[in-house]
């Protein structure tokens, strides 16, 4: 028996409440989960090396997000945490969306990333085995068949309401079909975080955001080249 609710409905409601209580989250963030194939968590040094590539980086003792302050070009911070063997990364900008960084992070692992900024630029990303497989705009996600790597992320594939419904065959050419099936009210931010949570078990919480975490600083945009 089905309730008619989309997959991850409860998780989406959880993340809607989180963003309502931590309002600055909706203005911009990047949340990345790295799931190792062998079940062995990456160390802080391994995470830093993958983030930075062949560029310099520094490791820092645990600190709160508030204490570190806004990112700088030569000291761009990425906070690091662990849920079992899954490594999670939090940042205020876009390093976790860069294909070269996703490829490095995904060597021997699967990587899921959600990013948006204050202008609603956004990306839901997936990489595995050193390959960048998916980059989807939550506002204009297209249809399932538009994404060749989607079968590698079954939890997202199951969220059929995330994608745009195919246009009816009898749609008149003069009719306006630009409303994307009513997606103007679709909460894609909550959907991003919900599907990563559903896939990895790594949950972003207000407690996590308030607690101190070790962090890495890298040089931007050098690390993204």
Protein backbone atom coordinates (compact mmCIF):
# COMPACT_ATOMS: atom_id res chain seq x y z
CA UNK A 1 0.00 0.00 0.00
CA UNK A 2 1.36 3.44 -0.87
CA UNK A 3 0.70 6.69 0.99
CA UNK A 4 1.25 8.77 -2.13
CA UNK A 5 4.18 10.53 -0.49
CA UNK A 6 7.46 10.78 -2.41
CA UNK A 7 10.51 8.86 -1.19
CA UNK A 8 12.41 10.71 1.56
CA UNK A 9 9.32 12.77 2.45
CA UNK A 10 10.09 12.61 6.18
CA UNK A 11 13.72 13.52 5.61
CA UNK A 12 12.74 16.44 3.43
CA UNK A 13 10.47 17.75 6.16
CA UNK A 14 13.35 17.37 8.63
CA UNK A 15 15.65 19.46 6.41
CA UNK A 16 12.98 22.06 5.80
CA UNK A 17 12.73 22.50 9.57
CA UNK A 18 16.52 22.62 9.89
CA UNK A 19 16.83 25.40 7.32
CA UNK A 20 14.00 27.26 8.97
CA UNK A 21 15.79 27.15 12.34
CA UNK A 22 19.28 27.81 10.89
CA UNK A 23 18.27 30.40 8.35
CA UNK A 24 21.72 31.19 7.00
CA UNK A 25 21.92 27.65 5.55
CA UNK A 26 19.57 28.63 2.73
CA UNK A 27 21.96 31.43 1.71
CA UNK A 28 24.84 29.17 0.78
CA UNK A 29 26.68 25.99 1.77
CA UNK A 30 28.22 22.79 0.45
CA UNK A 31 27.73 19.44 2.19
CA UNK A 32 29.72 16.47 0.88
CA UNK A 33 29.70 12.83 2.00
CA UNK A 34 32.53 10.44 1.07
CA UNK A 35 31.72 6.73 1.44
CA UNK A 36 34.79 4.46 1.09
CA UNK A 37 34.42 1.24 -0.86
CA UNK A 38 36.45 -0.75 1.67
CA UNK A 39 34.62 0.56 4.75
CA UNK A 40 37.72 2.27 6.12
CA UNK A 41 37.28 5.95 6.90
CA UNK A 42 39.63 8.45 5.33
CA UNK A 43 42.01 10.15 7.74
CA UNK A 44 42.16 13.92 8.03
CA UNK A 45 45.47 13.89 6.13
CA UNK A 46 43.97 11.82 3.32
CA UNK A 47 40.98 14.15 3.06
CA UNK A 48 43.24 17.21 2.96
CA UNK A 49 45.47 15.74 0.26
CA UNK A 50 42.48 14.87 -1.92
CA UNK A 51 40.94 18.31 -1.47
CA UNK A 52 44.16 20.17 -2.26
CA UNK A 53 45.60 17.98 -4.99
CA UNK A 54 49.14 19.14 -5.68
CA UNK A 55 48.61 22.49 -3.95
CA UNK A 56 49.51 23.47 -0.35
CA UNK A 57 47.17 22.82 2.53
CA UNK A 58 47.09 23.13 6.32
CA UNK A 59 45.42 21.05 9.01
CA UNK A 60 43.76 22.80 11.95
CA UNK A 61 42.57 21.81 15.40
CA UNK A 62 38.81 21.59 15.97
CA UNK A 63 37.01 24.92 15.91
CA UNK A 64 33.47 26.15 15.51
CA UNK A 65 32.22 27.49 12.20
CA UNK A 66 31.62 30.84 13.87
CA UNK A 67 35.21 31.04 15.15
CA UNK A 68 36.80 30.42 11.75
CA UNK A 69 34.93 33.15 9.90
CA UNK A 70 34.43 33.70 6.17
CA UNK A 71 36.67 31.96 3.63
CA UNK A 72 39.70 33.66 2.14
CA UNK A 73 41.44 33.01 -1.16
CA UNK A 74 44.65 31.65 0.43
CA UNK A 75 42.98 30.04 3.46
CA UNK A 76 39.74 28.48 2.31
CA UNK A 77 38.34 26.33 5.16
CA UNK A 78 36.62 22.95 4.83
CA UNK A 79 35.30 21.40 8.03
CA UNK A 80 35.61 17.63 8.40
CA UNK A 81 33.60 15.08 10.37
CA UNK A 82 32.83 11.37 10.38
CA UNK A 83 29.72 9.20 10.57
CA UNK A 84 31.25 5.77 11.01
CA UNK A 85 33.36 5.21 7.90
CA UNK A 86 31.68 8.08 6.00
CA UNK A 87 33.57 11.37 5.91
CA UNK A 88 31.51 14.56 5.72
CA UNK A 89 32.76 17.96 4.56
CA UNK A 90 31.12 21.33 5.19
CA UNK A 91 32.06 24.58 3.45
CA UNK A 92 30.53 27.90 2.52
CA UNK A 93 31.31 27.78 -1.17
CA UNK A 94 31.84 25.47 -4.11
CA UNK A 95 35.01 23.34 -3.79
CA UNK A 96 32.91 20.20 -3.33
CA UNK A 97 31.28 20.76 -6.74
CA UNK A 98 34.47 20.93 -8.79
CA UNK A 99 34.85 17.86 -11.06
CA UNK A 100 38.59 17.57 -10.41
CA UNK A 101 38.03 17.61 -6.64
CA UNK A 102 35.15 15.14 -6.85
CA UNK A 103 37.31 12.81 -8.92
CA UNK A 104 40.10 12.94 -6.32
CA UNK A 105 37.72 12.40 -3.41
CA UNK A 106 36.03 9.47 -5.16
CA UNK A 107 39.09 7.30 -5.73
CA UNK A 108 38.05 4.07 -4.02
CA UNK A 109 34.87 5.75 -2.82
CA UNK A 110 31.47 7.20 -3.66
CA UNK A 111 30.98 10.94 -3.20
CA UNK A 112 27.70 12.86 -2.88
CA UNK A 113 27.63 16.64 -2.77
CA UNK A 114 24.95 19.33 -2.34
CA UNK A 115 25.77 22.99 -3.02
CA UNK A 116 23.90 26.26 -3.45
CA UNK A 117 24.55 29.95 -2.99
CA UNK A 118 22.51 33.03 -2.19
CA UNK A 119 21.59 33.48 -5.87
CA UNK A 120 20.13 29.94 -6.01
CA UNK A 121 22.95 28.70 -8.21
CA UNK A 122 23.17 25.08 -7.20
CA UNK A 123 24.40 21.60 -7.98
CA UNK A 124 23.77 18.06 -6.78
CA UNK A 125 26.85 15.99 -7.61
CA UNK A 126 27.86 12.35 -7.60
CA UNK A 127 31.24 10.76 -8.29
CA UNK A 128 32.55 7.21 -7.89
CA UNK A 129 35.74 5.34 -8.66
CA UNK A 130 37.53 8.50 -9.77
CA UNK A 131 34.76 9.43 -12.23
CA UNK A 132 32.47 12.47 -12.07
CA UNK A 133 29.11 10.92 -12.94
CA UNK A 134 26.35 13.45 -12.19
CA UNK A 135 25.91 17.22 -11.88
CA UNK A 136 22.26 18.25 -11.62
CA UNK A 137 20.66 21.66 -11.20
CA UNK A 138 17.84 21.29 -8.68
CA UNK A 139 15.75 24.03 -10.28
CA UNK A 140 16.10 22.65 -13.80
CA UNK A 141 16.90 18.95 -13.33
CA UNK A 142 15.57 17.71 -16.66
CA UNK A 143 14.17 14.22 -16.98
CA UNK A 144 15.68 10.99 -15.69
CA UNK A 145 16.81 9.94 -19.15
CA UNK A 146 18.92 13.10 -19.41
CA UNK A 147 21.41 11.72 -16.88
CA UNK A 148 23.48 8.76 -18.02
CA UNK A 149 25.01 8.13 -14.58
CA UNK A 150 21.73 8.12 -12.68
CA UNK A 151 21.53 4.32 -12.43
CA UNK A 152 24.65 4.46 -10.25
CA UNK A 153 22.68 6.44 -7.64
CA UNK A 154 19.54 4.34 -7.07
CA UNK A 155 18.26 6.43 -4.15
CA UNK A 156 18.12 9.51 -6.37
CA UNK A 157 16.68 7.50 -9.25
CA UNK A 158 13.84 6.45 -6.95
CA UNK A 159 12.95 10.11 -6.30
CA UNK A 160 10.93 10.41 -9.49
CA UNK A 161 9.22 13.59 -8.29
CA UNK A 162 12.66 15.25 -8.26
CA UNK A 163 12.75 15.22 -12.05
CA UNK A 164 10.59 17.01 -14.61
CA UNK A 165 7.63 15.13 -15.98
CA UNK A 166 7.78 14.55 -19.75
CA UNK A 167 5.63 17.03 -21.68
CA UNK A 168 2.29 15.58 -22.81
CA UNK A 169 2.35 14.45 -26.43
CA UNK A 170 -0.75 16.52 -27.17
CA UNK A 171 0.72 19.76 -25.80
CA UNK A 172 -0.09 22.58 -28.22
CA UNK A 173 3.01 24.34 -29.56
CA UNK A 174 1.58 27.66 -28.42
CA UNK A 175 1.05 26.50 -24.85
CA UNK A 176 3.50 27.55 -22.16
CA UNK A 177 5.43 24.49 -21.01
CA UNK A 178 8.13 26.42 -19.11
CA UNK A 179 6.69 25.97 -15.64
CA UNK A 180 8.61 22.68 -15.19
CA UNK A 181 5.53 20.92 -13.88
CA UNK A 182 4.97 23.40 -11.07
CA UNK A 183 8.52 23.14 -9.69
CA UNK A 184 8.48 26.79 -8.64
CA UNK A 185 7.42 25.59 -5.18
CA UNK A 186 9.61 22.47 -5.12
CA UNK A 187 12.03 22.50 -2.18
CA UNK A 188 15.11 21.27 -3.99
CA UNK A 189 17.47 22.26 -1.13
CA UNK A 190 15.69 19.92 1.27
CA UNK A 191 15.57 17.26 -1.47
CA UNK A 192 19.35 17.53 -2.01
CA UNK A 193 20.16 16.97 1.65
CA UNK A 194 17.48 14.33 2.09
CA UNK A 195 18.74 12.09 -0.71
CA UNK A 196 22.34 12.31 0.55
CA UNK A 197 21.13 11.45 4.05
CA UNK A 198 19.02 8.57 2.69
CA UNK A 199 21.99 7.25 0.71
CA UNK A 200 24.76 7.58 3.28
CA UNK A 201 23.15 7.91 6.71
CA UNK A 202 25.16 11.11 7.24
CA UNK A 203 22.78 13.68 8.71
CA UNK A 204 23.43 17.41 8.89
CA UNK A 205 22.08 18.67 12.23
CA UNK A 206 22.06 21.96 14.09
CA UNK A 207 24.20 20.24 16.76
CA UNK A 208 26.79 19.34 14.11
CA UNK A 209 26.85 22.94 12.92
CA UNK A 210 27.40 24.21 16.48
CA UNK A 211 30.11 21.71 17.49
CA UNK A 212 33.84 22.21 16.89
CA UNK A 213 35.35 20.21 14.03
CA UNK A 214 38.85 19.85 12.62
CA UNK A 215 39.27 21.68 9.37
CA UNK A 216 41.54 21.98 6.37
CA UNK A 217 42.53 25.17 4.59
CA UNK A 218 43.51 25.15 0.94
CA UNK A 219 44.27 27.78 -1.66
CA UNK A 220 41.38 28.70 -3.91
CA UNK A 221 41.03 28.45 -6.83
CA UNK A 222 44.34 26.55 -7.14
CA UNK A 223 42.87 23.43 -5.50
CA UNK A 224 40.08 23.36 -8.08
CA UNK A 225 42.40 23.28 -11.11
